[in-house]
Amino acid sequence: MRIHRLIEETLLEIDSDLQVALEGLTVAELNWSPTNESNSIGFTFWHQTRAEDAWISDFAIGRQQIFERDCWAMIWKISAADTGFNYGKDQLAMFITPPISELYQYANAVRRQTLGYLQKLSEVDFDLKPDSDHPYRKGYTVGRMFGHILCELSQHLGHIRYLRGLQRGLNH
């Protein structure tokens, strides 16, 4: 199996599982968190999409992020530079989950870009180290970036499923 196919199939499986985890949730359930220092489902879905957008748009491709380009930052009144990374309880308390249909539109655009970028890569491209001024991304290869994205998306999918389970119980 080529690395491209492994990454693509993993992303599609994450998408499928995420859709099941989000299915039928109310606005109240999307915004609920177990404590005032915990993430909500809506925040987590937004944050994981922002992270993928930042990695692929900014780091890998070197262009404006979809969040800003498609005016989601303006529509949702969230700073274009904001990804939700290291939010504290005050920021979490102020976060308003965008409408789920709009979050899906944004997430789908990000995923289309990710898959389009992935398909253009050759095997040797996974060893490239894009230039980055961001201290966290220094030295990352394209392959390591994809590993990080898959790890982060899997972790956040688990968070979302856990939060759903806390509210609805098992398999609901």
N, C-alpha and C. Protein backbone atom coordinates (compact mmCIF):
# COMPACT_ATOMS: atom_id res chain seq x y z
N MET A 1 0.86 -1.18 0.00
CA MET A 1 0.00 0.00 0.00
C MET A 1 0.90 1.24 0.00
N ARG A 2 0.57 2.17 -0.84
CA ARG A 2 1.31 3.42 -0.87
C ARG A 2 0.90 4.29 0.32
N ILE A 3 1.84 5.11 0.76
CA ILE A 3 1.58 5.99 1.91
C ILE A 3 0.39 6.91 1.63
N HIS A 4 0.24 7.33 0.37
CA HIS A 4 -0.90 8.19 0.00
C HIS A 4 -2.22 7.52 0.36
N ARG A 5 -2.32 6.25 -0.03
CA ARG A 5 -3.57 5.51 0.20
C ARG A 5 -3.82 5.30 1.69
N LEU A 6 -2.77 5.00 2.43
CA LEU A 6 -2.90 4.82 3.88
C LEU A 6 -3.44 6.10 4.53
N ILE A 7 -2.86 7.23 4.18
CA ILE A 7 -3.30 8.51 4.75
C ILE A 7 -4.73 8.81 4.33
N GLU A 8 -5.03 8.66 3.05
CA GLU A 8 -6.38 8.96 2.55
C GLU A 8 -7.42 8.07 3.22
N GLU A 9 -7.16 6.78 3.30
CA GLU A 9 -8.13 5.87 3.92
C GLU A 9 -8.32 6.18 5.41
N THR A 10 -7.26 6.56 6.08
CA THR A 10 -7.37 6.93 7.50
C THR A 10 -8.20 8.20 7.65
N LEU A 11 -7.97 9.19 6.81
CA LEU A 11 -8.76 10.42 6.86
C LEU A 11 -10.24 10.14 6.59
N LEU A 12 -10.53 9.29 5.62
CA LEU A 12 -11.92 8.97 5.30
C LEU A 12 -12.58 8.19 6.44
N GLU A 13 -11.83 7.31 7.10
CA GLU A 13 -12.38 6.59 8.25
C GLU A 13 -12.67 7.55 9.41
N ILE A 14 -11.77 8.49 9.64
CA ILE A 14 -11.99 9.50 10.68
C ILE A 14 -13.24 10.31 10.35
N ASP A 15 -13.39 10.71 9.08
CA ASP A 15 -14.58 11.46 8.66
C ASP A 15 -15.86 10.68 8.93
N SER A 16 -15.85 9.41 8.57
CA SER A 16 -17.03 8.57 8.76
C SER A 16 -17.38 8.44 10.24
N ASP A 17 -16.38 8.17 11.06
CA ASP A 17 -16.60 8.04 12.50
C ASP A 17 -17.04 9.36 13.12
N LEU A 18 -16.49 10.46 12.63
CA LEU A 18 -16.87 11.77 13.15
C LEU A 18 -18.32 12.07 12.83
N GLN A 19 -18.74 11.74 11.62
CA GLN A 19 -20.13 11.97 11.23
C GLN A 19 -21.09 11.22 12.16
N VAL A 20 -20.75 9.99 12.49
CA VAL A 20 -21.57 9.20 13.41
C VAL A 20 -21.58 9.85 14.79
N ALA A 21 -20.42 10.31 15.24
CA ALA A 21 -20.32 10.91 16.58
C ALA A 21 -21.10 12.22 16.69
N LEU A 22 -21.23 12.94 15.58
CA LEU A 22 -21.92 14.23 15.60
C LEU A 22 -23.40 14.12 15.25
N GLU A 23 -23.79 12.99 14.71
CA GLU A 23 -25.15 12.81 14.21
C GLU A 23 -26.20 13.05 15.29
N GLY A 24 -27.16 13.92 14.96
CA GLY A 24 -28.30 14.15 15.82
C GLY A 24 -28.07 14.99 17.06
N LEU A 25 -26.86 15.49 17.25
CA LEU A 25 -26.60 16.29 18.44
C LEU A 25 -27.31 17.63 18.37
N THR A 26 -27.83 18.05 19.50
CA THR A 26 -28.48 19.36 19.58
C THR A 26 -27.42 20.45 19.78
N VAL A 27 -27.83 21.68 19.63
CA VAL A 27 -26.92 22.81 19.87
C VAL A 27 -26.43 22.76 21.32
N ALA A 28 -27.33 22.44 22.24
CA ALA A 28 -26.94 22.35 23.66
C ALA A 28 -25.89 21.27 23.86
N GLU A 29 -26.05 20.14 23.20
CA GLU A 29 -25.07 19.05 23.33
C GLU A 29 -23.73 19.43 22.70
N LEU A 30 -23.77 20.14 21.58
CA LEU A 30 -22.52 20.59 20.94
C LEU A 30 -21.76 21.56 21.84
N ASN A 31 -22.48 22.35 22.63
CA ASN A 31 -21.85 23.37 23.47
C ASN A 31 -21.56 22.91 24.89
N TRP A 32 -22.07 21.77 25.29
CA TRP A 32 -21.89 21.27 26.66
C TRP A 32 -20.45 20.84 26.89
N SER A 33 -19.96 21.12 28.09
CA SER A 33 -18.67 20.58 28.52
C SER A 33 -18.79 20.16 29.98
N PRO A 34 -18.03 19.15 30.40
CA PRO A 34 -18.18 18.64 31.76
C PRO A 34 -17.76 19.62 32.84
N THR A 35 -16.84 20.53 32.54
CA THR A 35 -16.42 21.57 33.48
C THR A 35 -16.14 22.84 32.70
N ASN A 36 -15.95 23.94 33.41
CA ASN A 36 -15.66 25.19 32.71
C ASN A 36 -14.22 25.24 32.18
N GLU A 37 -13.44 24.21 32.45
CA GLU A 37 -12.08 24.13 31.92
C GLU A 37 -11.95 23.00 30.90
N SER A 38 -13.08 22.58 30.35
CA SER A 38 -13.09 21.48 29.38
C SER A 38 -13.61 21.96 28.03
N ASN A 39 -13.18 21.27 26.99
CA ASN A 39 -13.65 21.59 25.65
C ASN A 39 -15.03 21.00 25.42
N SER A 40 -15.80 21.65 24.58
CA SER A 40 -17.08 21.12 24.14
C SER A 40 -16.88 20.37 22.82
N ILE A 41 -17.89 19.66 22.40
CA ILE A 41 -17.83 18.96 21.12
C ILE A 41 -17.70 19.96 19.98
N GLY A 42 -18.49 21.02 20.02
CA GLY A 42 -18.44 22.03 18.96
C GLY A 42 -17.08 22.68 18.86
N PHE A 43 -16.51 23.03 20.01
CA PHE A 43 -15.17 23.62 20.01
C PHE A 43 -14.15 22.64 19.43
N THR A 44 -14.23 21.39 19.84
CA THR A 44 -13.26 20.40 19.40
C THR A 44 -13.33 20.17 17.90
N PHE A 45 -14.54 20.10 17.35
CA PHE A 45 -14.71 19.93 15.90
C PHE A 45 -14.13 21.14 15.17
N TRP A 46 -14.43 22.34 15.65
CA TRP A 46 -13.88 23.56 15.04
C TRP A 46 -12.35 23.55 15.13
N HIS A 47 -11.82 23.27 16.31
CA HIS A 47 -10.37 23.31 16.54
C HIS A 47 -9.63 22.30 15.66
N GLN A 48 -10.13 21.08 15.56
CA GLN A 48 -9.41 20.08 14.77
C GLN A 48 -9.41 20.47 13.29
N THR A 49 -10.48 21.09 12.84
CA THR A 49 -10.53 21.55 11.45
C THR A 49 -9.58 22.72 11.24
N ARG A 50 -9.52 23.62 12.21
CA ARG A 50 -8.58 24.75 12.12
C ARG A 50 -7.14 24.25 12.09
N ALA A 51 -6.84 23.24 12.90
CA ALA A 51 -5.47 22.70 12.94
C ALA A 51 -5.09 22.10 11.59
N GLU A 52 -5.98 21.31 11.01
CA GLU A 52 -5.69 20.72 9.69
C GLU A 52 -5.53 21.81 8.64
N ASP A 53 -6.39 22.81 8.67
CA ASP A 53 -6.31 23.93 7.73
C ASP A 53 -4.97 24.64 7.86
N ALA A 54 -4.55 24.92 9.09
CA ALA A 54 -3.28 25.62 9.31
C ALA A 54 -2.10 24.80 8.81
N TRP A 55 -2.09 23.52 9.12
CA TRP A 55 -0.99 22.67 8.68
C TRP A 55 -0.90 22.59 7.16
N ILE A 56 -2.02 22.31 6.52
CA ILE A 56 -1.99 22.10 5.06
C ILE A 56 -1.86 23.43 4.32
N SER A 57 -2.72 24.40 4.63
CA SER A 57 -2.68 25.68 3.90
C SER A 57 -1.39 26.43 4.15
N ASP A 58 -1.14 26.71 5.39
CA ASP A 58 -0.03 27.59 5.77
C ASP A 58 1.31 26.89 5.67
N PHE A 59 1.45 25.76 6.31
CA PHE A 59 2.74 25.08 6.38
C PHE A 59 3.10 24.37 5.07
N ALA A 60 2.22 23.50 4.59
CA ALA A 60 2.56 22.65 3.44
C ALA A 60 2.46 23.38 2.11
N ILE A 61 1.34 24.07 1.87
CA ILE A 61 1.11 24.70 0.58
C ILE A 61 1.66 26.12 0.54
N GLY A 62 1.63 26.79 1.69
CA GLY A 62 2.13 28.17 1.75
C GLY A 62 1.16 29.19 1.20
N ARG A 63 -0.12 28.98 1.48
CA ARG A 63 -1.12 29.96 1.04
C ARG A 63 -2.09 30.27 2.17
N GLN A 64 -2.95 31.24 1.92
CA GLN A 64 -3.92 31.67 2.91
C GLN A 64 -4.81 30.50 3.33
N GLN A 65 -5.09 30.44 4.61
CA GLN A 65 -5.93 29.37 5.13
C GLN A 65 -7.37 29.54 4.65
N ILE A 66 -8.05 28.43 4.47
CA ILE A 66 -9.44 28.42 4.04
C ILE A 66 -10.31 29.20 5.02
N PHE A 67 -9.97 29.13 6.29
CA PHE A 67 -10.72 29.84 7.33
C PHE A 67 -10.82 31.33 7.02
N GLU A 68 -9.76 31.90 6.53
CA GLU A 68 -9.76 33.32 6.17
C GLU A 68 -10.22 33.52 4.73
N ARG A 69 -9.69 32.72 3.82
CA ARG A 69 -9.99 32.88 2.39
C ARG A 69 -11.49 32.80 2.11
N ASP A 70 -12.18 31.86 2.74
CA ASP A 70 -13.61 31.67 2.51
C ASP A 70 -14.48 32.44 3.50
N CYS A 71 -13.87 33.34 4.23
CA CYS A 71 -14.55 34.30 5.13
C CYS A 71 -15.18 33.68 6.36
N TRP A 72 -14.79 32.45 6.74
CA TRP A 72 -15.35 31.86 7.96
C TRP A 72 -14.95 32.67 9.20
N ALA A 73 -13.75 33.18 9.21
CA ALA A 73 -13.31 34.00 10.36
C ALA A 73 -14.24 35.20 10.52
N MET A 74 -14.56 35.85 9.41
CA MET A 74 -15.42 37.02 9.45
C MET A 74 -16.86 36.63 9.82
N ILE A 75 -17.37 35.57 9.20
CA ILE A 75 -18.74 35.13 9.46
C ILE A 75 -18.93 34.76 10.93
N TRP A 76 -17.96 34.03 11.48
CA TRP A 76 -18.07 33.55 12.86
C TRP A 76 -17.47 34.51 13.87
N LYS A 77 -16.91 35.62 13.38
CA LYS A 77 -16.31 36.64 14.26
C LYS A 77 -15.23 36.04 15.17
N ILE A 78 -14.33 35.28 14.53
CA ILE A 78 -13.19 34.67 15.21
C ILE A 78 -11.94 35.13 14.48
N SER A 79 -10.93 35.52 15.21
CA SER A 79 -9.69 35.97 14.59
C SER A 79 -9.17 34.93 13.60
N ALA A 80 -8.72 35.41 12.44
CA ALA A 80 -8.20 34.51 11.40
C ALA A 80 -6.99 33.72 11.89
N ALA A 81 -6.26 34.26 12.85
CA ALA A 81 -5.06 33.59 13.37
C ALA A 81 -5.40 32.55 14.45
N ASP A 82 -6.62 32.55 14.93
CA ASP A 82 -7.03 31.69 16.04
C ASP A 82 -7.28 30.26 15.57
N THR A 83 -6.64 29.31 16.24
CA THR A 83 -6.88 27.89 15.95
C THR A 83 -7.47 27.16 17.16
N GLY A 84 -7.60 27.86 18.28
CA GLY A 84 -8.08 27.22 19.50
C GLY A 84 -6.99 26.56 20.31
N PHE A 85 -5.75 26.60 19.82
CA PHE A 85 -4.63 25.97 20.51
C PHE A 85 -4.37 26.67 21.84
N ASN A 86 -4.26 25.88 22.91
CA ASN A 86 -3.97 26.37 24.26
C ASN A 86 -5.02 27.31 24.83
N TYR A 87 -6.27 27.11 24.46
CA TYR A 87 -7.33 27.91 25.04
C TYR A 87 -7.40 27.69 26.55
N GLY A 88 -7.69 28.75 27.27
CA GLY A 88 -7.93 28.67 28.70
C GLY A 88 -9.43 28.71 28.98
N LYS A 89 -9.80 28.65 30.26
CA LYS A 89 -11.23 28.58 30.59
C LYS A 89 -11.98 29.84 30.17
N ASP A 90 -11.34 31.01 30.21
CA ASP A 90 -12.02 32.23 29.80
C ASP A 90 -12.33 32.21 28.30
N GLN A 91 -11.37 31.74 27.51
CA GLN A 91 -11.60 31.65 26.07
C GLN A 91 -12.65 30.59 25.75
N LEU A 92 -12.59 29.47 26.45
CA LEU A 92 -13.59 28.42 26.24
C LEU A 92 -14.99 28.92 26.58
N ALA A 93 -15.11 29.69 27.64
CA ALA A 93 -16.41 30.22 28.06
C ALA A 93 -16.98 31.17 27.01
N MET A 94 -16.12 31.87 26.30
CA MET A 94 -16.56 32.84 25.30
C MET A 94 -16.81 32.20 23.93
N PHE A 95 -16.34 30.98 23.72
CA PHE A 95 -16.47 30.35 22.41
C PHE A 95 -17.92 29.97 22.13
N ILE A 96 -18.41 30.38 20.98
CA ILE A 96 -19.75 30.04 20.53
C ILE A 96 -19.61 29.12 19.33
N THR A 97 -20.13 27.92 19.45
CA THR A 97 -20.03 26.96 18.35
C THR A 97 -20.79 27.49 17.14
N PRO A 98 -20.12 27.57 16.00
CA PRO A 98 -20.83 27.96 14.77
C PRO A 98 -21.89 26.91 14.42
N PRO A 99 -22.86 27.28 13.59
CA PRO A 99 -23.86 26.29 13.18
C PRO A 99 -23.18 25.05 12.58
N ILE A 100 -23.67 23.87 12.96
CA ILE A 100 -23.02 22.62 12.56
C ILE A 100 -22.96 22.48 11.04
N SER A 101 -23.98 22.95 10.33
CA SER A 101 -23.95 22.86 8.86
C SER A 101 -22.81 23.69 8.29
N GLU A 102 -22.54 24.83 8.89
CA GLU A 102 -21.43 25.67 8.44
C GLU A 102 -20.09 25.05 8.82
N LEU A 103 -20.01 24.46 10.00
CA LEU A 103 -18.78 23.76 10.38
C LEU A 103 -18.47 22.63 9.40
N TYR A 104 -19.50 21.90 8.99
CA TYR A 104 -19.30 20.84 8.00
C TYR A 104 -18.82 21.41 6.67
N GLN A 105 -19.37 22.55 6.25
CA GLN A 105 -18.93 23.17 4.99
C GLN A 105 -17.44 23.51 5.07
N TYR A 106 -17.05 24.11 6.17
CA TYR A 106 -15.64 24.46 6.35
C TYR A 106 -14.78 23.20 6.40
N ALA A 107 -15.19 22.22 7.20
CA ALA A 107 -14.41 20.98 7.33
C ALA A 107 -14.29 20.25 5.99
N ASN A 108 -15.36 20.23 5.22
CA ASN A 108 -15.32 19.55 3.91
C ASN A 108 -14.37 20.26 2.95
N ALA A 109 -14.36 21.59 2.98
CA ALA A 109 -13.43 22.35 2.13
C ALA A 109 -11.98 22.07 2.53
N VAL A 110 -11.74 22.02 3.83
CA VAL A 110 -10.38 21.72 4.32
C VAL A 110 -9.98 20.31 3.89
N ARG A 111 -10.89 19.35 4.04
CA ARG A 111 -10.55 17.97 3.68
C ARG A 111 -10.31 17.83 2.18
N ARG A 112 -11.12 18.51 1.35
CA ARG A 112 -10.88 18.47 -0.10
C ARG A 112 -9.49 18.99 -0.42
N GLN A 113 -9.10 20.08 0.24
CA GLN A 113 -7.77 20.63 0.00
C GLN A 113 -6.68 19.65 0.45
N THR A 114 -6.86 19.05 1.62
CA THR A 114 -5.88 18.09 2.13
C THR A 114 -5.70 16.92 1.16
N LEU A 115 -6.81 16.35 0.71
CA LEU A 115 -6.74 15.20 -0.19
C LEU A 115 -6.16 15.60 -1.55
N GLY A 116 -6.51 16.78 -2.04
CA GLY A 116 -5.95 17.27 -3.29
C GLY A 116 -4.44 17.45 -3.20
N TYR A 117 -4.00 18.01 -2.10
CA TYR A 117 -2.56 18.19 -1.87
C TYR A 117 -1.87 16.83 -1.78
N LEU A 118 -2.45 15.93 -1.02
CA LEU A 118 -1.89 14.60 -0.83
C LEU A 118 -1.68 13.89 -2.17
N GLN A 119 -2.67 13.97 -3.06
CA GLN A 119 -2.59 13.26 -4.34
C GLN A 119 -1.50 13.80 -5.25
N LYS A 120 -1.08 15.03 -5.05
CA LYS A 120 -0.03 15.63 -5.88
C LYS A 120 1.38 15.28 -5.41
N LEU A 121 1.49 14.67 -4.25
CA LEU A 121 2.81 14.38 -3.70
C LEU A 121 3.41 13.11 -4.30
N SER A 122 4.72 13.16 -4.51
CA SER A 122 5.46 11.95 -4.87
C SER A 122 5.98 11.34 -3.56
N GLU A 123 6.49 10.14 -3.63
CA GLU A 123 7.01 9.49 -2.42
C GLU A 123 8.12 10.33 -1.77
N VAL A 124 8.98 10.92 -2.57
CA VAL A 124 10.10 11.70 -2.00
C VAL A 124 9.63 13.01 -1.39
N ASP A 125 8.45 13.50 -1.80
CA ASP A 125 7.93 14.76 -1.24
C ASP A 125 7.64 14.65 0.25
N PHE A 126 7.41 13.44 0.75
CA PHE A 126 7.13 13.27 2.17
C PHE A 126 8.34 13.58 3.04
N ASP A 127 9.52 13.64 2.43
CA ASP A 127 10.75 13.99 3.16
C ASP A 127 11.09 15.47 3.10
N LEU A 128 10.31 16.25 2.33
CA LEU A 128 10.57 17.69 2.23
C LEU A 128 10.29 18.38 3.55
N LYS A 129 11.06 19.44 3.82
CA LYS A 129 10.87 20.25 5.03
C LYS A 129 10.48 21.66 4.60
N PRO A 130 9.16 21.95 4.56
CA PRO A 130 8.74 23.30 4.19
C PRO A 130 9.30 24.34 5.15
N ASP A 131 9.56 25.54 4.63
CA ASP A 131 10.03 26.64 5.48
C ASP A 131 8.90 27.06 6.42
N SER A 132 9.26 27.33 7.65
CA SER A 132 8.27 27.80 8.61
C SER A 132 8.94 28.64 9.68
N ASP A 133 8.32 29.77 9.98
CA ASP A 133 8.78 30.62 11.08
C ASP A 133 8.17 30.18 12.40
N HIS A 134 7.18 29.33 12.33
CA HIS A 134 6.48 28.86 13.52
C HIS A 134 7.40 27.93 14.30
N PRO A 135 7.70 28.24 15.57
CA PRO A 135 8.65 27.42 16.33
C PRO A 135 8.22 25.96 16.48
N TYR A 136 6.94 25.70 16.54
CA TYR A 136 6.44 24.34 16.71
C TYR A 136 6.66 23.49 15.46
N ARG A 137 6.71 24.14 14.30
CA ARG A 137 6.78 23.42 13.03
C ARG A 137 8.19 23.30 12.46
N LYS A 138 9.15 23.91 13.12
CA LYS A 138 10.54 23.87 12.63
C LYS A 138 11.00 22.42 12.51
N GLY A 139 11.58 22.10 11.36
CA GLY A 139 12.14 20.78 11.16
C GLY A 139 11.14 19.71 10.76
N TYR A 140 9.85 20.04 10.72
CA TYR A 140 8.85 19.05 10.33
C TYR A 140 8.98 18.74 8.84
N THR A 141 8.89 17.47 8.51
CA THR A 141 8.79 17.06 7.11
C THR A 141 7.30 16.97 6.76
N VAL A 142 7.01 16.87 5.48
CA VAL A 142 5.63 16.69 5.05
C VAL A 142 5.07 15.38 5.64
N GLY A 143 5.88 14.34 5.66
CA GLY A 143 5.44 13.07 6.24
C GLY A 143 5.13 13.18 7.72
N ARG A 144 6.00 13.87 8.45
CA ARG A 144 5.76 14.05 9.89
C ARG A 144 4.51 14.89 10.11
N MET A 145 4.28 15.89 9.24
CA MET A 145 3.08 16.71 9.34
C MET A 145 1.83 15.84 9.22
N PHE A 146 1.81 14.95 8.22
CA PHE A 146 0.65 14.08 8.06
C PHE A 146 0.48 13.15 9.26
N GLY A 147 1.58 12.64 9.79
CA GLY A 147 1.49 11.83 11.00
C GLY A 147 0.89 12.61 12.16
N HIS A 148 1.30 13.86 12.30
CA HIS A 148 0.77 14.72 13.36
C HIS A 148 -0.72 14.97 13.15
N ILE A 149 -1.11 15.28 11.92
CA ILE A 149 -2.53 15.54 11.63
C ILE A 149 -3.37 14.30 11.96
N LEU A 150 -2.93 13.13 11.52
CA LEU A 150 -3.70 11.91 11.80
C LEU A 150 -3.80 11.64 13.29
N CYS A 151 -2.72 11.87 14.01
CA CYS A 151 -2.72 11.68 15.46
C CYS A 151 -3.69 12.65 16.12
N GLU A 152 -3.60 13.93 15.74
CA GLU A 152 -4.48 14.94 16.34
C GLU A 152 -5.94 14.67 16.04
N LEU A 153 -6.25 14.35 14.78
CA LEU A 153 -7.64 14.08 14.43
C LEU A 153 -8.18 12.86 15.18
N SER A 154 -7.37 11.83 15.33
CA SER A 154 -7.79 10.64 16.07
C SER A 154 -8.05 10.95 17.54
N GLN A 155 -7.15 11.73 18.13
CA GLN A 155 -7.34 12.12 19.53
C GLN A 155 -8.63 12.92 19.70
N HIS A 156 -8.85 13.89 18.82
CA HIS A 156 -10.04 14.73 18.96
C HIS A 156 -11.32 13.96 18.66
N LEU A 157 -11.27 13.00 17.74
CA LEU A 157 -12.43 12.14 17.51
C LEU A 157 -12.76 11.39 18.80
N GLY A 158 -11.76 10.89 19.49
CA GLY A 158 -11.98 10.23 20.77
C GLY A 158 -12.58 11.17 21.80
N HIS A 159 -12.11 12.41 21.83
CA HIS A 159 -12.68 13.40 22.76
C HIS A 159 -14.16 13.61 22.46
N ILE A 160 -14.47 13.78 21.18
CA ILE A 160 -15.86 14.03 20.78
C ILE A 160 -16.75 12.84 21.15
N ARG A 161 -16.29 11.65 20.88
CA ARG A 161 -17.09 10.47 21.20
C ARG A 161 -17.28 10.32 22.71
N TYR A 162 -16.25 10.63 23.47
CA TYR A 162 -16.33 10.57 24.93
C TYR A 162 -17.36 11.59 25.44
N LEU A 163 -17.29 12.82 24.94
CA LEU A 163 -18.23 13.86 25.38
C LEU A 163 -19.66 13.50 24.99
N ARG A 164 -19.83 12.92 23.82
CA ARG A 164 -21.16 12.46 23.42
C ARG A 164 -21.65 11.38 24.40
N GLY A 165 -20.77 10.43 24.73
CA GLY A 165 -21.13 9.36 25.64
C GLY A 165 -21.48 9.86 27.03
N LEU A 166 -20.77 10.88 27.51
CA LEU A 166 -21.10 11.45 28.81
C LEU A 166 -22.52 12.01 28.83
N GLN A 167 -22.95 12.53 27.69
CA GLN A 167 -24.27 13.15 27.62
C GLN A 167 -25.39 12.16 27.29
N ARG A 168 -25.09 11.19 26.43
CA ARG A 168 -26.14 10.32 25.92
C ARG A 168 -26.01 8.87 26.36
N GLY A 169 -24.90 8.51 26.94
CA GLY A 169 -24.67 7.11 27.29
C GLY A 169 -24.07 6.35 26.12
N LEU A 170 -23.90 5.08 26.31
CA LEU A 170 -23.28 4.24 25.28
C LEU A 170 -24.18 4.08 24.07
N ASN A 171 -23.58 4.16 22.90
CA ASN A 171 -24.25 3.87 21.62
C ASN A 171 -25.51 4.67 21.37
N HIS A 172 -25.56 5.89 21.86
CA HIS A 172 -26.74 6.75 21.60
C HIS A 172 -26.32 8.03 20.95
